[in-house]
Amino acid sequence: MFLWGINRYRTTFSRTELSVSFLIAVGLLFLAFGRGIASIIGEFFNVDSRFVLVQIVVNVVFILLILYIITKVSNTQATIGNLTRNLSVQQIQRGLGNLVDENEKTIYIIIPAYNKESTIGSLLEELPNKIKEYAIRTVVVSDGSEDMTTQIAREYDAIVIEHPINQGQGGALKTGFQIAISRSADIVVTMDADGQHPIKQLPNLVTPIITDTADYVVGSRHRGKDQSGNSLTRQSGIWVFTWIINRLLKTDITDCTNGYRAIRGTELSNLTLSEERFSAPELIIESKKNGLRIQEIPVTIRERKAGETKKPKLGYAIGLIRTIITTWIR
């Protein structure tokens, strides 16, 4: 075992693998020849059989190694995600320049898009140039798309960022948020790229922030119209997750998974956002914890113009529960 560690160190220079192999080798020697000490440990844990004691030790070590691997994988994924986003943003920033017109009021619309070549063009064409005195700036984050999403988006007056690796909706939103914050956006709006969010309701979404009656505005299909065609199972799940958030935060929202939302730009940098995929509940909980005034308005959620949802049913439910609990605790 120790020789294996030495060989790995000679080829990969991994001190971790060398240390682990050394500890396992020492443990095996101890169990093989340290009969007296093993007996004392067995008596302490009330284990008569030396074989059983060995199995217990091995399983404990195995569990610790699994936890270590999970931690390393999670940290590596986070590092890759941050690297991908930062590189994408830096490339765009070079083209945008550093000058920002401080006198211009802006609304930045962040649109995560993954393989949305059939809908992204019509969506961008429908967006207005201004809402009241606020200029509209659109940021499309093509999140590892394998179709013509990026090329089509670049045909329109939009900032187009391309992730070489899919980061999930939450990861794409964080990239868009970085751009909006760096450009001193007054209001940041998020919306889906599949045509479910009506553009004509955009003024209603940003008005509470413009009139200074809210800092975070989220659309609700339950206060408005739900034409999404979601199954009864998905509708029930949304109701359950919303109920849990309301109990934890003492809020009265009705649609915690709606991606049609507006946030005051100056408040966005205060939110701690770590989720790559399940961003909707994280944004609500973080906004509440940071004292933002949350308001829910009626919106219509239409049926997708093309494609199907990419959210796994069971995995999505588990991910939402995990996100709600971890965001609330931290």
Foldseek 3Di string as FASTA:
>chain_A
DLVVLVVCCVVPVDPVSNVVVVVVVVVVVCLVPVVVVLCVVCVVVVHDDSVVVVVVVVVVSVVVVVVVVVVVVVVVLLVVLVVLLVVQLVVLCVVVDQDADPVAAAEEEEEEDAQLPPQQLVVLVPADQDDVRYGYAYEYEHFCHPDCNQVSNVVHRYHYTYRVHHQAPLSSVVSSLVVCLSNVHQKYWYDYRQPQFDNVCVNVQCVCVVVVNFFKEFEDCVQAPEAAPDDPLVQVLQQVLVVVLCVLLVDDDRGQQGRTMMGGSVCVVVFDRDDRHRCRNSVVLSCSVVPTGYYYDYGYGHYGPDDDDPDDDVVNSVVSVVSNVVSSVD
